């Protein structure tokens, strides 16, 4: 599973998300919201959901529109320990 964080600039390439670092952040913070790029496959995001739910954590995912075009969106993932 290769996930990419949401772009911070329309011209920039999305940065890769590392599962270990995400897991450490969730452990440290307890509740974290991550934003993922639209280039991620829905299948990979569902695998991420299965991973965190198997650890007994809550996982909420939604699409966030930020423009008028159909392809102006990102995925918002909220993980709660």
C-alpha atoms as a PDB file:
ATOM      1  CA  UNK A   1       0.000   0.000   0.000  1.00  0.00           C
ATOM      2  CA  UNK A   2       1.496   3.307  -1.105  1.00  0.00           C
ATOM      3  CA  UNK A   3      -0.336   6.337   0.233  1.00  0.00           C
ATOM      4  CA  UNK A   4       0.328   9.986  -0.563  1.00  0.00           C
ATOM      5  CA  UNK A   5      -0.516  12.959   1.611  1.00  0.00           C
ATOM      6  CA  UNK A   6      -2.566  15.785   0.087  1.00  0.00           C
ATOM      7  CA  UNK A   7      -0.644  18.373  -1.896  1.00  0.00           C
ATOM      8  CA  UNK A   8       0.010  21.709  -0.274  1.00  0.00           C
ATOM      9  CA  UNK A   9       0.527  23.345  -3.674  1.00  0.00           C
ATOM     10  CA  UNK A  10      -1.308  22.566  -6.910  1.00  0.00           C
ATOM     11  CA  UNK A  11       2.009  22.298  -8.792  1.00  0.00           C
ATOM     12  CA  UNK A  12       3.764  20.156  -6.166  1.00  0.00           C
ATOM     13  CA  UNK A  13       3.948  16.391  -6.139  1.00  0.00           C
ATOM     14  CA  UNK A  14       2.263  14.667  -3.184  1.00  0.00           C
ATOM     15  CA  UNK A  15       4.555  13.386  -0.422  1.00  0.00           C
ATOM     16  CA  UNK A  16       4.538   9.698   0.443  1.00  0.00           C
ATOM     17  CA  UNK A  17       2.935   8.671   3.722  1.00  0.00           C
ATOM     18  CA  UNK A  18       4.846   6.231   5.919  1.00  0.00           C
ATOM     19  CA  UNK A  19       2.666   3.878   7.919  1.00  0.00           C
ATOM     20  CA  UNK A  20       5.115   3.679  10.834  1.00  0.00           C
ATOM     21  CA  UNK A  21       5.205   7.460  11.269  1.00  0.00           C
ATOM     22  CA  UNK A  22       1.424   7.677  11.038  1.00  0.00           C
ATOM     23  CA  UNK A  23       1.088   4.983  13.677  1.00  0.00           C
ATOM     24  CA  UNK A  24       3.542   6.793  15.974  1.00  0.00           C
ATOM     25  CA  UNK A  25       1.583  10.030  15.586  1.00  0.00           C
ATOM     26  CA  UNK A  26      -1.680   8.287  16.475  1.00  0.00           C
ATOM     27  CA  UNK A  27      -0.064   6.700  19.549  1.00  0.00           C
ATOM     28  CA  UNK A  28       1.361  10.050  20.666  1.00  0.00           C
ATOM     29  CA  UNK A  29      -1.652  12.281  19.941  1.00  0.00           C
ATOM     30  CA  UNK A  30      -4.533   9.858  20.495  1.00  0.00           C
ATOM     31  CA  UNK A  31      -6.671  11.487  17.791  1.00  0.00           C
ATOM     32  CA  UNK A  32      -5.269  12.560  14.429  1.00  0.00           C
ATOM     33  CA  UNK A  33      -6.670  13.830  11.131  1.00  0.00           C
ATOM     34  CA  UNK A  34      -4.686  13.087   7.975  1.00  0.00           C
ATOM     35  CA  UNK A  35      -5.409  14.440   4.503  1.00  0.00           C
ATOM     36  CA  UNK A  36      -4.597  12.199   1.551  1.00  0.00           C
ATOM     37  CA  UNK A  37      -4.267  13.062  -2.121  1.00  0.00           C
ATOM     38  CA  UNK A  38      -6.949  12.194  -4.660  1.00  0.00           C
ATOM     39  CA  UNK A  39      -4.364  10.050  -6.505  1.00  0.00           C
ATOM     40  CA  UNK A  40      -4.630   7.376  -3.804  1.00  0.00           C
ATOM     41  CA  UNK A  41      -6.693   4.353  -4.683  1.00  0.00           C
ATOM     42  CA  UNK A  42      -9.804   3.763  -2.628  1.00  0.00           C
ATOM     43  CA  UNK A  43      -8.601   0.177  -2.143  1.00  0.00           C
ATOM     44  CA  UNK A  44      -5.393   1.375  -0.424  1.00  0.00           C
ATOM     45  CA  UNK A  45      -7.383   3.618   1.894  1.00  0.00           C
ATOM     46  CA  UNK A  46      -9.634   0.696   2.810  1.00  0.00           C
ATOM     47  CA  UNK A  47      -6.504  -1.359   3.590  1.00  0.00           C
ATOM     48  CA  UNK A  48      -5.379   1.479   5.874  1.00  0.00           C
ATOM     49  CA  UNK A  49      -8.777   1.357   7.551  1.00  0.00           C
ATOM     50  CA  UNK A  50      -8.501  -2.405   8.095  1.00  0.00           C
ATOM     51  CA  UNK A  51      -5.007  -1.963   9.540  1.00  0.00           C
ATOM     52  CA  UNK A  52      -6.025   0.576  12.181  1.00  0.00           C
ATOM     53  CA  UNK A  53      -9.333  -1.105  13.016  1.00  0.00           C
ATOM     54  CA  UNK A  54      -7.478  -4.402  13.583  1.00  0.00           C
ATOM     55  CA  UNK A  55      -5.515  -2.524  16.260  1.00  0.00           C
ATOM     56  CA  UNK A  56      -8.782  -1.525  17.950  1.00  0.00           C
ATOM     57  CA  UNK A  57      -8.754   2.087  16.765  1.00  0.00           C
ATOM     58  CA  UNK A  58     -11.636   4.018  15.222  1.00  0.00           C
ATOM     59  CA  UNK A  59     -11.272   5.121  11.604  1.00  0.00           C
ATOM     60  CA  UNK A  60     -13.444   7.658   9.773  1.00  0.00           C
ATOM     61  CA  UNK A  61     -12.906   8.583   6.124  1.00  0.00           C
ATOM     62  CA  UNK A  62     -14.618  11.135   3.886  1.00  0.00           C
ATOM     63  CA  UNK A  63     -14.018  13.080   0.679  1.00  0.00           C
ATOM     64  CA  UNK A  64     -13.460  16.808   1.077  1.00  0.00           C
ATOM     65  CA  UNK A  65     -14.235  19.047  -1.914  1.00  0.00           C
ATOM     66  CA  UNK A  66     -12.154  22.219  -2.134  1.00  0.00           C
ATOM     67  CA  UNK A  67     -13.122  23.555  -5.542  1.00  0.00           C
ATOM     68  CA  UNK A  68     -15.872  23.605  -8.135  1.00  0.00           C
ATOM     69  CA  UNK A  69     -14.409  20.945 -10.436  1.00  0.00           C
ATOM     70  CA  UNK A  70     -15.252  17.286  -9.891  1.00  0.00           C
ATOM     71  CA  UNK A  71     -11.583  16.383  -9.411  1.00  0.00           C
ATOM     72  CA  UNK A  72     -10.933  19.039  -6.734  1.00  0.00           C
ATOM     73  CA  UNK A  73     -11.097  16.802  -3.697  1.00  0.00           C
ATOM     74  CA  UNK A  74      -8.963  15.005  -1.127  1.00  0.00           C
ATOM     75  CA  UNK A  75      -9.578  12.285   1.418  1.00  0.00           C
ATOM     76  CA  UNK A  76      -9.885  13.166   5.089  1.00  0.00           C
ATOM     77  CA  UNK A  77      -9.051  10.359   7.512  1.00  0.00           C
ATOM     78  CA  UNK A  78      -9.671  10.696  11.239  1.00  0.00           C
ATOM     79  CA  UNK A  79      -8.073   8.030  13.427  1.00  0.00           C
ATOM     80  CA  UNK A  80      -8.909   7.807  17.112  1.00  0.00           C
ATOM     81  CA  UNK A  81      -6.960   5.645  19.529  1.00  0.00           C
END
